[in-house]
Amino acid sequence: MVTIKDRIRIKNELPHGSQKLIAEKSGISRVSISNWFAGRKPASRVENAILDFYIKYKNERDKRLKEAGLL
């Protein structure tokens, strides 16, 4: 289970508009995404969609930073 501290960290690391993108790509309401970040109504489907998006975002960001010689 992801702690509230982890949820806040993930939320802060994602770019603005990510909750909307996660909702659109997963077919989950933006309210459900927001509730997960706030620690309300934990649902594995929501958590999986957010974590999948977060991992893909971080991997792509790290790849770009390496290509730019910044990582």
PDB file of N, CA and C in Angstrom:
ATOM      1  N   MET A   1       0.848  -1.191   0.000  1.00  0.00           N
ATOM      2  CA  MET A   1       0.000   0.000   0.000  1.00  0.00           C
ATOM      3  C   MET A   1       0.887   1.245   0.000  1.00  0.00           C
ATOM      4  N   VAL A   2       0.489   2.218  -0.767  1.00  0.00           N
ATOM      5  CA  VAL A   2       1.232   3.458  -0.889  1.00  0.00           C
ATOM      6  C   VAL A   2       0.805   4.392   0.245  1.00  0.00           C
ATOM      7  N   THR A   3       1.793   4.920   0.974  1.00  0.00           N
ATOM      8  CA  THR A   3       1.487   5.806   2.096  1.00  0.00           C
ATOM      9  C   THR A   3       1.067   7.182   1.593  1.00  0.00           C
ATOM     10  N   ILE A   4       0.462   7.957   2.472  1.00  0.00           N
ATOM     11  CA  ILE A   4       0.053   9.311   2.109  1.00  0.00           C
ATOM     12  C   ILE A   4       1.273  10.157   1.764  1.00  0.00           C
ATOM     13  N   LYS A   5       2.398   9.926   2.449  1.00  0.00           N
ATOM     14  CA  LYS A   5       3.632  10.654   2.132  1.00  0.00           C
ATOM     15  C   LYS A   5       4.072  10.357   0.703  1.00  0.00           C
ATOM     16  N   ASP A   6       4.002   9.083   0.329  1.00  0.00           N
ATOM     17  CA  ASP A   6       4.370   8.691  -1.033  1.00  0.00           C
ATOM     18  C   ASP A   6       3.423   9.310  -2.054  1.00  0.00           C
ATOM     19  N   ARG A   7       2.154   9.344  -1.723  1.00  0.00           N
ATOM     20  CA  ARG A   7       1.162   9.929  -2.635  1.00  0.00           C
ATOM     21  C   ARG A   7       1.458  11.406  -2.877  1.00  0.00           C
ATOM     22  N   ILE A   8       1.787  12.112  -1.809  1.00  0.00           N
ATOM     23  CA  ILE A   8       2.107  13.539  -1.924  1.00  0.00           C
ATOM     24  C   ILE A   8       3.366  13.732  -2.759  1.00  0.00           C
ATOM     25  N   ARG A   9       4.378  12.904  -2.527  1.00  0.00           N
ATOM     26  CA  ARG A   9       5.624  12.994  -3.295  1.00  0.00           C
ATOM     27  C   ARG A   9       5.361  12.748  -4.774  1.00  0.00           C
ATOM     28  N   ILE A  10       4.593  11.711  -5.073  1.00  0.00           N
ATOM     29  CA  ILE A  10       4.264  11.397  -6.468  1.00  0.00           C
ATOM     30  C   ILE A  10       3.522  12.568  -7.101  1.00  0.00           C
ATOM     31  N   LYS A  11       2.529  13.091  -6.403  1.00  0.00           N
ATOM     32  CA  LYS A  11       1.750  14.215  -6.927  1.00  0.00           C
ATOM     33  C   LYS A  11       2.648  15.410  -7.222  1.00  0.00           C
ATOM     34  N   ASN A  12       3.577  15.688  -6.326  1.00  0.00           N
ATOM     35  CA  ASN A  12       4.468  16.833  -6.496  1.00  0.00           C
ATOM     36  C   ASN A  12       5.474  16.633  -7.628  1.00  0.00           C
ATOM     37  N   GLU A  13       5.829  15.389  -7.913  1.00  0.00           N
ATOM     38  CA  GLU A  13       6.795  15.107  -8.975  1.00  0.00           C
ATOM     39  C   GLU A  13       6.165  15.115 -10.364  1.00  0.00           C
ATOM     40  N   LEU A  14       4.874  14.895 -10.441  1.00  0.00           N
ATOM     41  CA  LEU A  14       4.208  14.872 -11.742  1.00  0.00           C
ATOM     42  C   LEU A  14       3.933  16.292 -12.226  1.00  0.00           C
ATOM     43  N   PRO A  15       3.991  16.503 -13.544  1.00  0.00           N
ATOM     44  CA  PRO A  15       3.729  17.845 -14.073  1.00  0.00           C
ATOM     45  C   PRO A  15       2.256  18.239 -13.946  1.00  0.00           C
ATOM     46  N   HIS A  16       2.030  19.528 -14.019  1.00  0.00           N
ATOM     47  CA  HIS A  16       0.665  20.064 -13.955  1.00  0.00           C
ATOM     48  C   HIS A  16      -0.187  19.421 -15.052  1.00  0.00           C
ATOM     49  N   GLY A  17      -1.389  19.037 -14.700  1.00  0.00           N
ATOM     50  CA  GLY A  17      -2.307  18.433 -15.663  1.00  0.00           C
ATOM     51  C   GLY A  17      -2.250  16.917 -15.710  1.00  0.00           C
ATOM     52  N   SER A  18      -1.381  16.319 -14.906  1.00  0.00           N
ATOM     53  CA  SER A  18      -1.225  14.863 -14.931  1.00  0.00           C
ATOM     54  C   SER A  18      -2.478  14.131 -14.472  1.00  0.00           C
ATOM     55  N   GLN A  19      -3.173  14.660 -13.479  1.00  0.00           N
ATOM     56  CA  GLN A  19      -4.373  13.978 -12.998  1.00  0.00           C
ATOM     57  C   GLN A  19      -5.400  13.855 -14.120  1.00  0.00           C
ATOM     58  N   LYS A  20      -5.539  14.905 -14.908  1.00  0.00           N
ATOM     59  CA  LYS A  20      -6.476  14.877 -16.029  1.00  0.00           C
ATOM     60  C   LYS A  20      -6.030  13.841 -17.064  1.00  0.00           C
ATOM     61  N   LEU A  21      -4.736  13.811 -17.371  1.00  0.00           N
ATOM     62  CA  LEU A  21      -4.216  12.837 -18.335  1.00  0.00           C
ATOM     63  C   LEU A  21      -4.412  11.401 -17.856  1.00  0.00           C
ATOM     64  N   ILE A  22      -4.125  11.164 -16.581  1.00  0.00           N
ATOM     65  CA  ILE A  22      -4.304   9.822 -16.019  1.00  0.00           C
ATOM     66  C   ILE A  22      -5.770   9.407 -16.145  1.00  0.00           C
ATOM     67  N   ALA A  23      -6.662  10.324 -15.802  1.00  0.00           N
ATOM     68  CA  ALA A  23      -8.104  10.036 -15.881  1.00  0.00           C
ATOM     69  C   ALA A  23      -8.519   9.714 -17.314  1.00  0.00           C
ATOM     70  N   GLU A  24      -8.072  10.517 -18.261  1.00  0.00           N
ATOM     71  CA  GLU A  24      -8.455  10.309 -19.659  1.00  0.00           C
ATOM     72  C   GLU A  24      -7.908   8.979 -20.200  1.00  0.00           C
ATOM     73  N   LYS A  25      -6.648   8.682 -19.887  1.00  0.00           N
ATOM     74  CA  LYS A  25      -6.022   7.467 -20.420  1.00  0.00           C
ATOM     75  C   LYS A  25      -6.556   6.195 -19.778  1.00  0.00           C
ATOM     76  N   SER A  26      -7.000   6.300 -18.530  1.00  0.00           N
ATOM     77  CA  SER A  26      -7.428   5.103 -17.808  1.00  0.00           C
ATOM     78  C   SER A  26      -8.938   4.908 -17.784  1.00  0.00           C
ATOM     79  N   GLY A  27      -9.678   5.952 -18.133  1.00  0.00           N
ATOM     80  CA  GLY A  27     -11.128   5.863 -18.057  1.00  0.00           C
ATOM     81  C   GLY A  27     -11.658   5.975 -16.635  1.00  0.00           C
ATOM     82  N   ILE A  28     -10.834   6.493 -15.754  1.00  0.00           N
ATOM     83  CA  ILE A  28     -11.207   6.703 -14.351  1.00  0.00           C
ATOM     84  C   ILE A  28     -11.483   8.192 -14.177  1.00  0.00           C
ATOM     85  N   SER A  29     -12.463   8.537 -13.364  1.00  0.00           N
ATOM     86  CA  SER A  29     -12.801   9.953 -13.196  1.00  0.00           C
ATOM     87  C   SER A  29     -11.649  10.708 -12.534  1.00  0.00           C
ATOM     88  N   ARG A  30     -11.549  11.996 -12.880  1.00  0.00           N
ATOM     89  CA  ARG A  30     -10.517  12.833 -12.278  1.00  0.00           C
ATOM     90  C   ARG A  30     -10.728  12.954 -10.779  1.00  0.00           C
ATOM     91  N   VAL A  31     -11.984  12.923 -10.350  1.00  0.00           N
ATOM     92  CA  VAL A  31     -12.293  12.991  -8.917  1.00  0.00           C
ATOM     93  C   VAL A  31     -11.716  11.769  -8.200  1.00  0.00           C
ATOM     94  N   SER A  32     -11.836  10.597  -8.804  1.00  0.00           N
ATOM     95  CA  SER A  32     -11.268   9.379  -8.202  1.00  0.00           C
ATOM     96  C   SER A  32      -9.750   9.477  -8.112  1.00  0.00           C
ATOM     97  N   ILE A  33      -9.138  10.054  -9.142  1.00  0.00           N
ATOM     98  CA  ILE A  33      -7.684  10.241  -9.132  1.00  0.00           C
ATOM     99  C   ILE A  33      -7.306  11.195  -8.002  1.00  0.00           C
ATOM    100  N   SER A  34      -8.022  12.299  -7.896  1.00  0.00           N
ATOM    101  CA  SER A  34      -7.768  13.279  -6.842  1.00  0.00           C
ATOM    102  C   SER A  34      -7.982  12.683  -5.455  1.00  0.00           C
ATOM    103  N   ASN A  35      -9.027  11.879  -5.303  1.00  0.00           N
ATOM    104  CA  ASN A  35      -9.301  11.234  -4.013  1.00  0.00           C
ATOM    105  C   ASN A  35      -8.159  10.306  -3.614  1.00  0.00           C
ATOM    106  N   TRP A  36      -7.583   9.603  -4.583  1.00  0.00           N
ATOM    107  CA  TRP A  36      -6.467   8.702  -4.276  1.00  0.00           C
ATOM    108  C   TRP A  36      -5.285   9.506  -3.740  1.00  0.00           C
ATOM    109  N   PHE A  37      -4.954  10.620  -4.403  1.00  0.00           N
ATOM    110  CA  PHE A  37      -3.837  11.434  -3.941  1.00  0.00           C
ATOM    111  C   PHE A  37      -4.090  11.996  -2.548  1.00  0.00           C
ATOM    112  N   ALA A  38      -5.347  12.256  -2.217  1.00  0.00           N
ATOM    113  CA  ALA A  38      -5.701  12.801  -0.901  1.00  0.00           C
ATOM    114  C   ALA A  38      -5.825  11.716   0.165  1.00  0.00           C
ATOM    115  N   GLY A  39      -5.689  10.455  -0.237  1.00  0.00           N
ATOM    116  CA  GLY A  39      -5.770   9.370   0.735  1.00  0.00           C
ATOM    117  C   GLY A  39      -7.175   8.865   0.987  1.00  0.00           C
ATOM    118  N   ARG A  40      -8.122   9.335   0.194  1.00  0.00           N
ATOM    119  CA  ARG A  40      -9.503   8.882   0.341  1.00  0.00           C
ATOM    120  C   ARG A  40      -9.792   7.796  -0.681  1.00  0.00           C
ATOM    121  N   LYS A  41     -10.667   6.906  -0.332  1.00  0.00           N
ATOM    122  CA  LYS A  41     -11.159   5.864  -1.246  1.00  0.00           C
ATOM    123  C   LYS A  41     -10.044   5.147  -2.014  1.00  0.00           C
ATOM    124  N   PRO A  42      -9.155   4.475  -1.303  1.00  0.00           N
ATOM    125  CA  PRO A  42      -8.096   3.757  -2.021  1.00  0.00           C
ATOM    126  C   PRO A  42      -8.678   2.602  -2.837  1.00  0.00           C
ATOM    127  N   ALA A  43      -8.370   2.589  -4.107  1.00  0.00           N
ATOM    128  CA  ALA A  43      -8.835   1.523  -4.995  1.00  0.00           C
ATOM    129  C   ALA A  43      -7.650   1.053  -5.818  1.00  0.00           C
ATOM    130  N   SER A  44      -7.496  -0.253  -5.922  1.00  0.00           N
ATOM    131  CA  SER A  44      -6.328  -0.789  -6.617  1.00  0.00           C
ATOM    132  C   SER A  44      -6.306  -0.381  -8.089  1.00  0.00           C
ATOM    133  N   ARG A  45      -7.457  -0.292  -8.726  1.00  0.00           N
ATOM    134  CA  ARG A  45      -7.505   0.114 -10.133  1.00  0.00           C
ATOM    135  C   ARG A  45      -6.968   1.540 -10.309  1.00  0.00           C
ATOM    136  N   VAL A  46      -7.379   2.424  -9.408  1.00  0.00           N
ATOM    137  CA  VAL A  46      -6.920   3.814  -9.453  1.00  0.00           C
ATOM    138  C   VAL A  46      -5.423   3.867  -9.156  1.00  0.00           C
ATOM    139  N   GLU A  47      -5.019   3.175  -8.120  1.00  0.00           N
ATOM    140  CA  GLU A  47      -3.605   3.163  -7.740  1.00  0.00           C
ATOM    141  C   GLU A  47      -2.739   2.622  -8.875  1.00  0.00           C
ATOM    142  N   ASN A  48      -3.166   1.551  -9.501  1.00  0.00           N
ATOM    143  CA  ASN A  48      -2.397   0.972 -10.605  1.00  0.00           C
ATOM    144  C   ASN A  48      -2.271   1.938 -11.774  1.00  0.00           C
ATOM    145  N   ALA A  49      -3.342   2.632 -12.112  1.00  0.00           N
ATOM    146  CA  ALA A  49      -3.306   3.594 -13.217  1.00  0.00           C
ATOM    147  C   ALA A  49      -2.341   4.738 -12.911  1.00  0.00           C
ATOM    148  N   ILE A  50      -2.377   5.227 -11.683  1.00  0.00           N
ATOM    149  CA  ILE A  50      -1.498   6.332 -11.291  1.00  0.00           C
ATOM    150  C   ILE A  50      -0.050   5.878 -11.279  1.00  0.00           C
ATOM    151  N   LEU A  51       0.220   4.723 -10.684  1.00  0.00           N
ATOM    152  CA  LEU A  51       1.596   4.252 -10.607  1.00  0.00           C
ATOM    153  C   LEU A  51       2.163   3.917 -11.983  1.00  0.00           C
ATOM    154  N   ASP A  52       1.349   3.362 -12.868  1.00  0.00           N
ATOM    155  CA  ASP A  52       1.801   3.100 -14.237  1.00  0.00           C
ATOM    156  C   ASP A  52       2.193   4.404 -14.932  1.00  0.00           C
ATOM    157  N   PHE A  53       1.351   5.415 -14.802  1.00  0.00           N
ATOM    158  CA  PHE A  53       1.630   6.717 -15.409  1.00  0.00           C
ATOM    159  C   PHE A  53       2.902   7.311 -14.814  1.00  0.00           C
ATOM    160  N   TYR A  54       3.035   7.257 -13.502  1.00  0.00           N
ATOM    161  CA  TYR A  54       4.183   7.821 -12.794  1.00  0.00           C
ATOM    162  C   TYR A  54       5.487   7.141 -13.237  1.00  0.00           C
ATOM    163  N   ILE A  55       5.485   5.834 -13.317  1.00  0.00           N
ATOM    164  CA  ILE A  55       6.687   5.097 -13.729  1.00  0.00           C
ATOM    165  C   ILE A  55       7.067   5.455 -15.163  1.00  0.00           C
ATOM    166  N   LYS A  56       6.101   5.505 -16.050  1.00  0.00           N
ATOM    167  CA  LYS A  56       6.376   5.876 -17.444  1.00  0.00           C
ATOM    168  C   LYS A  56       6.915   7.303 -17.523  1.00  0.00           C
ATOM    169  N   TYR A  57       6.320   8.208 -16.765  1.00  0.00           N
ATOM    170  CA  TYR A  57       6.774   9.601 -16.751  1.00  0.00           C
ATOM    171  C   TYR A  57       8.216   9.689 -16.271  1.00  0.00           C
ATOM    172  N   LYS A  58       8.515   9.031 -15.150  1.00  0.00           N
ATOM    173  CA  LYS A  58       9.875   9.088 -14.599  1.00  0.00           C
ATOM    174  C   LYS A  58      10.893   8.475 -15.554  1.00  0.00           C
ATOM    175  N   ASN A  59      10.557   7.350 -16.162  1.00  0.00           N
ATOM    176  CA  ASN A  59      11.483   6.703 -17.102  1.00  0.00           C
ATOM    177  C   ASN A  59      11.765   7.605 -18.299  1.00  0.00           C
ATOM    178  N   GLU A  60      10.734   8.217 -18.839  1.00  0.00           N
ATOM    179  CA  GLU A  60      10.908   9.116 -19.984  1.00  0.00           C
ATOM    180  C   GLU A  60      11.716  10.346 -19.594  1.00  0.00           C
ATOM    181  N   ARG A  61      11.431  10.896 -18.433  1.00  0.00           N
ATOM    182  CA  ARG A  61      12.173  12.075 -17.964  1.00  0.00           C
ATOM    183  C   ARG A  61      13.641  11.738 -17.768  1.00  0.00           C
ATOM    184  N   ASP A  62      13.931  10.608 -17.132  1.00  0.00           N
ATOM    185  CA  ASP A  62      15.314  10.202 -16.912  1.00  0.00           C
ATOM    186  C   ASP A  62      16.048   9.955 -18.231  1.00  0.00           C
ATOM    187  N   LYS A  63      15.351   9.366 -19.187  1.00  0.00           N
ATOM    188  CA  LYS A  63      15.937   9.115 -20.505  1.00  0.00           C
ATOM    189  C   LYS A  63      16.335  10.444 -21.163  1.00  0.00           C
ATOM    190  N   ARG A  64      15.460  11.412 -21.112  1.00  0.00           N
ATOM    191  CA  ARG A  64      15.746  12.723 -21.708  1.00  0.00           C
ATOM    192  C   ARG A  64      16.896  13.425 -20.989  1.00  0.00           C
ATOM    193  N   LEU A  65      16.937  13.322 -19.676  1.00  0.00           N
ATOM    194  CA  LEU A  65      18.024  13.950 -18.923  1.00  0.00           C
ATOM    195  C   LEU A  65      19.365  13.300 -19.252  1.00  0.00           C
ATOM    196  N   LYS A  66      19.390  11.971 -19.420  1.00  0.00           N
ATOM    197  CA  LYS A  66      20.606  11.267 -19.813  1.00  0.00           C
ATOM    198  C   LYS A  66      21.066  11.699 -21.190  1.00  0.00           C
ATOM    199  N   GLU A  67      20.115  11.800 -22.131  1.00  0.00           N
ATOM    200  CA  GLU A  67      20.443  12.233 -23.491  1.00  0.00           C
ATOM    201  C   GLU A  67      21.024  13.644 -23.500  1.00  0.00           C
ATOM    202  N   ALA A  68      20.565  14.475 -22.587  1.00  0.00           N
ATOM    203  CA  ALA A  68      21.056  15.850 -22.502  1.00  0.00           C
ATOM    204  C   ALA A  68      22.329  15.951 -21.677  1.00  0.00           C
ATOM    205  N   GLY A  69      22.767  14.818 -21.118  1.00  0.00           N
ATOM    206  CA  GLY A  69      23.972  14.809 -20.290  1.00  0.00           C
ATOM    207  C   GLY A  69      23.785  15.425 -18.923  1.00  0.00           C
ATOM    208  N   LEU A  70      22.562  15.450 -18.467  1.00  0.00           N
ATOM    209  CA  LEU A  70      22.254  16.066 -17.179  1.00  0.00           C
ATOM    210  C   LEU A  70      22.034  15.043 -16.068  1.00  0.00           C
ATOM    211  N   LEU A  71      22.142  13.792 -16.420  1.00  0.00           N
ATOM    212  CA  LEU A  71      21.926  12.744 -15.404  1.00  0.00           C
ATOM    213  C   LEU A  71      22.991  11.691 -15.523  1.00  0.00           C
TER     214      LEU A  71
END
